Amino acid sequence: MVDLERRRVVDLLGDRLTATTADWFGRHPGTEIVSRDRAGTYADAARQGAPQARQVADRFHLLKNLRETIER
């Protein structure tokens, strides 16, 4: 997990499971925005653990998807 405002790593989770990530969000109730890739696992985790947070696509994956679309 990375604090994008402060540009620092705040935690490293042991796996990529929805339950693990949702639990982490549940222990950090101040989460307002979740920047993530397009993986459904993380979308589900954010919905479960941080339902108040707005979910946004991260810049890397937005640009990657745009490039792939243009190439097609």
PDB file of N, CA and C in Angstrom:
ATOM      1  N   MET A   1       0.839  -1.150   0.000  1.00  0.00           N
ATOM      2  CA  MET A   1       0.000   0.000   0.000  1.00  0.00           C
ATOM      3  C   MET A   1       0.896   1.229   0.000  1.00  0.00           C
ATOM      4  N   VAL A   2       0.483   2.222  -0.795  1.00  0.00           N
ATOM      5  CA  VAL A   2       1.287   3.429  -0.959  1.00  0.00           C
ATOM      6  C   VAL A   2       0.422   4.654  -0.683  1.00  0.00           C
ATOM      7  N   ASP A   3       0.961   5.579   0.090  1.00  0.00           N
ATOM      8  CA  ASP A   3       0.327   6.873   0.283  1.00  0.00           C
ATOM      9  C   ASP A   3       0.790   7.742  -0.874  1.00  0.00           C
ATOM     10  N   LEU A   4      -0.087   7.976  -1.850  1.00  0.00           N
ATOM     11  CA  LEU A   4       0.318   8.710  -3.052  1.00  0.00           C
ATOM     12  C   LEU A   4       0.545  10.191  -2.783  1.00  0.00           C
ATOM     13  N   GLU A   5      -0.116  10.748  -1.781  1.00  0.00           N
ATOM     14  CA  GLU A   5       0.110  12.162  -1.458  1.00  0.00           C
ATOM     15  C   GLU A   5       1.507  12.375  -0.884  1.00  0.00           C
ATOM     16  N   ARG A   6       1.928  11.460  -0.032  1.00  0.00           N
ATOM     17  CA  ARG A   6       3.239  11.575   0.609  1.00  0.00           C
ATOM     18  C   ARG A   6       4.331  10.830  -0.145  1.00  0.00           C
ATOM     19  N   ARG A   7       3.915  10.060  -1.158  1.00  0.00           N
ATOM     20  CA  ARG A   7       4.844   9.279  -1.979  1.00  0.00           C
ATOM     21  C   ARG A   7       5.711   8.347  -1.137  1.00  0.00           C
ATOM     22  N   ARG A   8       5.018   7.532  -0.314  1.00  0.00           N
ATOM     23  CA  ARG A   8       5.760   6.584   0.502  1.00  0.00           C
ATOM     24  C   ARG A   8       4.956   5.310   0.693  1.00  0.00           C
ATOM     25  N   VAL A   9       5.671   4.222   0.825  1.00  0.00           N
ATOM     26  CA  VAL A   9       5.056   2.931   1.107  1.00  0.00           C
ATOM     27  C   VAL A   9       4.609   2.934   2.566  1.00  0.00           C
ATOM     28  N   VAL A  10       3.367   2.529   2.803  1.00  0.00           N
ATOM     29  CA  VAL A  10       2.868   2.485   4.176  1.00  0.00           C
ATOM     30  C   VAL A  10       2.692   1.057   4.686  1.00  0.00           C
ATOM     31  N   ASP A  11       2.580   0.091   3.773  1.00  0.00           N
ATOM     32  CA  ASP A  11       2.426  -1.299   4.203  1.00  0.00           C
ATOM     33  C   ASP A  11       2.667  -2.224   3.023  1.00  0.00           C
ATOM     34  N   LEU A  12       3.037  -3.455   3.343  1.00  0.00           N
ATOM     35  CA  LEU A  12       3.213  -4.495   2.340  1.00  0.00           C
ATOM     36  C   LEU A  12       2.386  -5.690   2.797  1.00  0.00           C
ATOM     37  N   LEU A  13       1.406  -6.057   2.001  1.00  0.00           N
ATOM     38  CA  LEU A  13       0.510  -7.149   2.365  1.00  0.00           C
ATOM     39  C   LEU A  13       1.138  -8.483   1.987  1.00  0.00           C
ATOM     40  N   GLY A  14       0.761  -9.527   2.690  1.00  0.00           N
ATOM     41  CA  GLY A  14       1.331 -10.843   2.471  1.00  0.00           C
ATOM     42  C   GLY A  14       0.813 -11.553   1.233  1.00  0.00           C
ATOM     43  N   ASP A  15      -0.325 -11.089   0.712  1.00  0.00           N
ATOM     44  CA  ASP A  15      -0.898 -11.718  -0.479  1.00  0.00           C
ATOM     45  C   ASP A  15      -1.817 -10.710  -1.181  1.00  0.00           C
ATOM     46  N   ARG A  16      -2.446 -11.154  -2.270  1.00  0.00           N
ATOM     47  CA  ARG A  16      -3.322 -10.284  -3.063  1.00  0.00           C
ATOM     48  C   ARG A  16      -4.796 -10.659  -2.909  1.00  0.00           C
ATOM     49  N   LEU A  17      -5.127 -11.352  -1.849  1.00  0.00           N
ATOM     50  CA  LEU A  17      -6.490 -11.813  -1.645  1.00  0.00           C
ATOM     51  C   LEU A  17      -7.433 -10.662  -1.277  1.00  0.00           C
ATOM     52  N   THR A  18      -8.667 -10.779  -1.726  1.00  0.00           N
ATOM     53  CA  THR A  18      -9.671  -9.761  -1.418  1.00  0.00           C
ATOM     54  C   THR A  18      -9.815  -9.578   0.089  1.00  0.00           C
ATOM     55  N   ALA A  19      -9.907 -10.678   0.825  1.00  0.00           N
ATOM     56  CA  ALA A  19     -10.111 -10.603   2.275  1.00  0.00           C
ATOM     57  C   ALA A  19      -8.963  -9.881   2.974  1.00  0.00           C
ATOM     58  N   THR A  20      -7.745 -10.144   2.569  1.00  0.00           N
ATOM     59  CA  THR A  20      -6.576  -9.499   3.174  1.00  0.00           C
ATOM     60  C   THR A  20      -6.604  -7.999   2.932  1.00  0.00           C
ATOM     61  N   THR A  21      -6.883  -7.624   1.688  1.00  0.00           N
ATOM     62  CA  THR A  21      -6.897  -6.208   1.327  1.00  0.00           C
ATOM     63  C   THR A  21      -8.073  -5.488   1.982  1.00  0.00           C
ATOM     64  N   ALA A  22      -9.241  -6.117   1.999  1.00  0.00           N
ATOM     65  CA  ALA A  22     -10.414  -5.519   2.640  1.00  0.00           C
ATOM     66  C   ALA A  22     -10.163  -5.322   4.130  1.00  0.00           C
ATOM     67  N   ASP A  23      -9.506  -6.287   4.759  1.00  0.00           N
ATOM     68  CA  ASP A  23      -9.173  -6.167   6.176  1.00  0.00           C
ATOM     69  C   ASP A  23      -8.251  -4.980   6.411  1.00  0.00           C
ATOM     70  N   TRP A  24      -7.270  -4.796   5.532  1.00  0.00           N
ATOM     71  CA  TRP A  24      -6.352  -3.661   5.671  1.00  0.00           C
ATOM     72  C   TRP A  24      -7.130  -2.348   5.592  1.00  0.00           C
ATOM     73  N   PHE A  25      -8.008  -2.243   4.598  1.00  0.00           N
ATOM     74  CA  PHE A  25      -8.828  -1.026   4.480  1.00  0.00           C
ATOM     75  C   PHE A  25      -9.687  -0.825   5.722  1.00  0.00           C
ATOM     76  N   GLY A  26     -10.229  -1.905   6.260  1.00  0.00           N
ATOM     77  CA  GLY A  26     -11.054  -1.804   7.458  1.00  0.00           C
ATOM     78  C   GLY A  26     -10.294  -1.263   8.656  1.00  0.00           C
ATOM     79  N   ARG A  27      -8.996  -1.523   8.698  1.00  0.00           N
ATOM     80  CA  ARG A  27      -8.159  -1.017   9.795  1.00  0.00           C
ATOM     81  C   ARG A  27      -7.653   0.401   9.521  1.00  0.00           C
ATOM     82  N   HIS A  28      -7.989   0.949   8.361  1.00  0.00           N
ATOM     83  CA  HIS A  28      -7.587   2.313   7.994  1.00  0.00           C
ATOM     84  C   HIS A  28      -8.827   3.060   7.504  1.00  0.00           C
ATOM     85  N   PRO A  29      -9.714   3.407   8.436  1.00  0.00           N
ATOM     86  CA  PRO A  29     -11.012   3.978   8.057  1.00  0.00           C
ATOM     87  C   PRO A  29     -10.948   5.363   7.421  1.00  0.00           C
ATOM     88  N   GLY A  30      -9.810   6.008   7.450  1.00  0.00           N
ATOM     89  CA  GLY A  30      -9.696   7.339   6.856  1.00  0.00           C
ATOM     90  C   GLY A  30      -9.440   7.327   5.355  1.00  0.00           C
ATOM     91  N   THR A  31      -9.406   6.149   4.749  1.00  0.00           N
ATOM     92  CA  THR A  31      -9.126   6.054   3.320  1.00  0.00           C
ATOM     93  C   THR A  31     -10.230   6.743   2.528  1.00  0.00           C
ATOM     94  N   GLU A  32      -9.847   7.739   1.724  1.00  0.00           N
ATOM     95  CA  GLU A  32     -10.815   8.506   0.937  1.00  0.00           C
ATOM     96  C   GLU A  32     -10.802   8.117  -0.534  1.00  0.00           C
ATOM     97  N   ILE A  33      -9.627   7.800  -1.063  1.00  0.00           N
ATOM     98  CA  ILE A  33      -9.479   7.471  -2.481  1.00  0.00           C
ATOM     99  C   ILE A  33      -8.619   6.224  -2.602  1.00  0.00           C
ATOM    100  N   VAL A  34      -9.056   5.305  -3.444  1.00  0.00           N
ATOM    101  CA  VAL A  34      -8.283   4.096  -3.733  1.00  0.00           C
ATOM    102  C   VAL A  34      -7.911   4.145  -5.204  1.00  0.00           C
ATOM    103  N   SER A  35      -6.627   4.299  -5.478  1.00  0.00           N
ATOM    104  CA  SER A  35      -6.111   4.264  -6.844  1.00  0.00           C
ATOM    105  C   SER A  35      -5.623   2.854  -7.087  1.00  0.00           C
ATOM    106  N   ARG A  36      -6.173   2.205  -8.108  1.00  0.00           N
ATOM    107  CA  ARG A  36      -5.884   0.788  -8.295  1.00  0.00           C
ATOM    108  C   ARG A  36      -5.835   0.438  -9.769  1.00  0.00           C
ATOM    109  N   ASP A  37      -5.332  -0.779 -10.021  1.00  0.00           N
ATOM    110  CA  ASP A  37      -5.376  -1.288 -11.385  1.00  0.00           C
ATOM    111  C   ASP A  37      -6.792  -1.793 -11.650  1.00  0.00           C
ATOM    112  N   ARG A  38      -6.998  -2.427 -12.761  1.00  0.00           N
ATOM    113  CA  ARG A  38      -8.339  -2.845 -13.145  1.00  0.00           C
ATOM    114  C   ARG A  38      -8.748  -4.196 -12.564  1.00  0.00           C
ATOM    115  N   ALA A  39      -7.960  -4.744 -11.671  1.00  0.00           N
ATOM    116  CA  ALA A  39      -8.248  -6.052 -11.096  1.00  0.00           C
ATOM    117  C   ALA A  39      -9.516  -6.023 -10.253  1.00  0.00           C
ATOM    118  N   GLY A  40     -10.385  -6.959 -10.511  1.00  0.00           N
ATOM    119  CA  GLY A  40     -11.626  -7.056  -9.757  1.00  0.00           C
ATOM    120  C   GLY A  40     -11.405  -7.351  -8.289  1.00  0.00           C
ATOM    121  N   THR A  41     -10.315  -8.045  -7.981  1.00  0.00           N
ATOM    122  CA  THR A  41      -9.989  -8.375  -6.594  1.00  0.00           C
ATOM    123  C   THR A  41      -9.873  -7.111  -5.759  1.00  0.00           C
ATOM    124  N   TYR A  42      -9.155  -6.125  -6.273  1.00  0.00           N
ATOM    125  CA  TYR A  42      -8.968  -4.890  -5.517  1.00  0.00           C
ATOM    126  C   TYR A  42     -10.228  -4.047  -5.486  1.00  0.00           C
ATOM    127  N   ALA A  43     -11.022  -4.085  -6.536  1.00  0.00           N
ATOM    128  CA  ALA A  43     -12.299  -3.369  -6.534  1.00  0.00           C
ATOM    129  C   ALA A  43     -13.202  -3.926  -5.443  1.00  0.00           C
ATOM    130  N   ASP A  44     -13.284  -5.245  -5.362  1.00  0.00           N
ATOM    131  CA  ASP A  44     -14.094  -5.888  -4.331  1.00  0.00           C
ATOM    132  C   ASP A  44     -13.575  -5.556  -2.935  1.00  0.00           C
ATOM    133  N   ALA A  45     -12.265  -5.602  -2.781  1.00  0.00           N
ATOM    134  CA  ALA A  45     -11.667  -5.313  -1.474  1.00  0.00           C
ATOM    135  C   ALA A  45     -11.968  -3.893  -1.037  1.00  0.00           C
ATOM    136  N   ALA A  46     -11.871  -2.950  -1.945  1.00  0.00           N
ATOM    137  CA  ALA A  46     -12.161  -1.559  -1.600  1.00  0.00           C
ATOM    138  C   ALA A  46     -13.638  -1.381  -1.258  1.00  0.00           C
ATOM    139  N   ARG A  47     -14.519  -2.031  -2.017  1.00  0.00           N
ATOM    140  CA  ARG A  47     -15.952  -1.936  -1.709  1.00  0.00           C
ATOM    141  C   ARG A  47     -16.271  -2.503  -0.332  1.00  0.00           C
ATOM    142  N   GLN A  48     -15.619  -3.599   0.012  1.00  0.00           N
ATOM    143  CA  GLN A  48     -15.874  -4.243   1.304  1.00  0.00           C
ATOM    144  C   GLN A  48     -15.229  -3.498   2.469  1.00  0.00           C
ATOM    145  N   GLY A  49     -13.964  -3.127   2.317  1.00  0.00           N
ATOM    146  CA  GLY A  49     -13.212  -2.555   3.430  1.00  0.00           C
ATOM    147  C   GLY A  49     -13.254  -1.053   3.541  1.00  0.00           C
ATOM    148  N   ALA A  50     -13.521  -0.380   2.428  1.00  0.00           N
ATOM    149  CA  ALA A  50     -13.553   1.088   2.419  1.00  0.00           C
ATOM    150  C   ALA A  50     -14.699   1.566   1.539  1.00  0.00           C
ATOM    151  N   PRO A  51     -15.936   1.248   1.925  1.00  0.00           N
ATOM    152  CA  PRO A  51     -17.067   1.606   1.066  1.00  0.00           C
ATOM    153  C   PRO A  51     -17.232   3.115   0.864  1.00  0.00           C
ATOM    154  N   GLN A  52     -16.669   3.910   1.756  1.00  0.00           N
ATOM    155  CA  GLN A  52     -16.760   5.362   1.643  1.00  0.00           C
ATOM    156  C   GLN A  52     -15.769   5.923   0.622  1.00  0.00           C
ATOM    157  N   ALA A  53     -14.784   5.145   0.226  1.00  0.00           N
ATOM    158  CA  ALA A  53     -13.705   5.636  -0.637  1.00  0.00           C
ATOM    159  C   ALA A  53     -14.126   5.656  -2.109  1.00  0.00           C
ATOM    160  N   ARG A  54     -13.640   6.646  -2.807  1.00  0.00           N
ATOM    161  CA  ARG A  54     -13.820   6.719  -4.255  1.00  0.00           C
ATOM    162  C   ARG A  54     -12.717   5.882  -4.895  1.00  0.00           C
ATOM    163  N   GLN A  55     -13.083   5.068  -5.860  1.00  0.00           N
ATOM    164  CA  GLN A  55     -12.101   4.249  -6.563  1.00  0.00           C
ATOM    165  C   GLN A  55     -11.776   4.891  -7.908  1.00  0.00           C
ATOM    166  N   VAL A  56     -10.484   4.994  -8.191  1.00  0.00           N
ATOM    167  CA  VAL A  56     -10.029   5.559  -9.457  1.00  0.00           C
ATOM    168  C   VAL A  56      -8.978   4.644 -10.071  1.00  0.00           C
ATOM    169  N   ALA A  57      -8.885   4.662 -11.383  1.00  0.00           N
ATOM    170  CA  ALA A  57      -7.860   3.876 -12.083  1.00  0.00           C
ATOM    171  C   ALA A  57      -6.524   4.598 -11.962  1.00  0.00           C
ATOM    172  N   ASP A  58      -5.471   3.838 -11.764  1.00  0.00           N
ATOM    173  CA  ASP A  58      -4.157   4.472 -11.650  1.00  0.00           C
ATOM    174  C   ASP A  58      -3.665   4.943 -13.022  1.00  0.00           C
ATOM    175  N   ARG A  59      -2.783   5.902 -13.009  1.00  0.00           N
ATOM    176  CA  ARG A  59      -2.283   6.541 -14.225  1.00  0.00           C
ATOM    177  C   ARG A  59      -1.610   5.549 -15.174  1.00  0.00           C
ATOM    178  N   PHE A  60      -0.792   4.651 -14.629  1.00  0.00           N
ATOM    179  CA  PHE A  60      -0.084   3.689 -15.463  1.00  0.00           C
ATOM    180  C   PHE A  60      -1.065   2.882 -16.303  1.00  0.00           C
ATOM    181  N   HIS A  61      -2.086   2.333 -15.663  1.00  0.00           N
ATOM    182  CA  HIS A  61      -3.020   1.471 -16.389  1.00  0.00           C
ATOM    183  C   HIS A  61      -3.926   2.268 -17.332  1.00  0.00           C
ATOM    184  N   LEU A  62      -4.239   3.497 -16.991  1.00  0.00           N
ATOM    185  CA  LEU A  62      -4.999   4.335 -17.929  1.00  0.00           C
ATOM    186  C   LEU A  62      -4.212   4.542 -19.220  1.00  0.00           C
ATOM    187  N   LEU A  63      -2.941   4.883 -19.074  1.00  0.00           N
ATOM    188  CA  LEU A  63      -2.103   5.113 -20.255  1.00  0.00           C
ATOM    189  C   LEU A  63      -1.858   3.822 -21.029  1.00  0.00           C
ATOM    190  N   LYS A  64      -1.674   2.729 -20.321  1.00  0.00           N
ATOM    191  CA  LYS A  64      -1.485   1.438 -20.972  1.00  0.00           C
ATOM    192  C   LYS A  64      -2.718   1.062 -21.790  1.00  0.00           C
ATOM    193  N   ASN A  65      -3.896   1.215 -21.201  1.00  0.00           N
ATOM    194  CA  ASN A  65      -5.136   0.898 -21.910  1.00  0.00           C
ATOM    195  C   ASN A  65      -5.338   1.815 -23.117  1.00  0.00           C
ATOM    196  N   LEU A  66      -5.006   3.087 -22.978  1.00  0.00           N
ATOM    197  CA  LEU A  66      -5.125   4.038 -24.080  1.00  0.00           C
ATOM    198  C   LEU A  66      -4.191   3.637 -25.217  1.00  0.00           C
ATOM    199  N   ARG A  67      -2.940   3.310 -24.894  1.00  0.00           N
ATOM    200  CA  ARG A  67      -1.974   2.912 -25.908  1.00  0.00           C
ATOM    201  C   ARG A  67      -2.447   1.664 -26.668  1.00  0.00           C
ATOM    202  N   GLU A  68      -2.946   0.685 -25.919  1.00  0.00           N
ATOM    203  CA  GLU A  68      -3.421  -0.553 -26.546  1.00  0.00           C
ATOM    204  C   GLU A  68      -4.616  -0.276 -27.472  1.00  0.00           C
ATOM    205  N   THR A  69      -5.478   0.632 -27.048  1.00  0.00           N
ATOM    206  CA  THR A  69      -6.646   0.980 -27.873  1.00  0.00           C
ATOM    207  C   THR A  69      -6.206   1.677 -29.154  1.00  0.00           C
ATOM    208  N   ILE A  70      -5.267   2.589 -29.031  1.00  0.00           N
ATOM    209  CA  ILE A  70      -4.754   3.316 -30.214  1.00  0.00           C
ATOM    210  C   ILE A  70      -4.071   2.351 -31.173  1.00  0.00           C
ATOM    211  N   GLU A  71      -3.306   1.410 -30.637  1.00  0.00           N
ATOM    212  CA  GLU A  71      -2.602   0.442 -31.490  1.00  0.00           C
ATOM    213  C   GLU A  71      -3.566  -0.449 -32.257  1.00  0.00           C
ATOM    214  N   ARG A  72      -4.704  -0.771 -31.655  1.00  0.00           N
ATOM    215  CA  ARG A  72      -5.699  -1.597 -32.340  1.00  0.00           C
ATOM    216  C   ARG A  72      -6.333  -0.809 -33.461  1.00  0.00           C
TER     217      ARG A  72
END
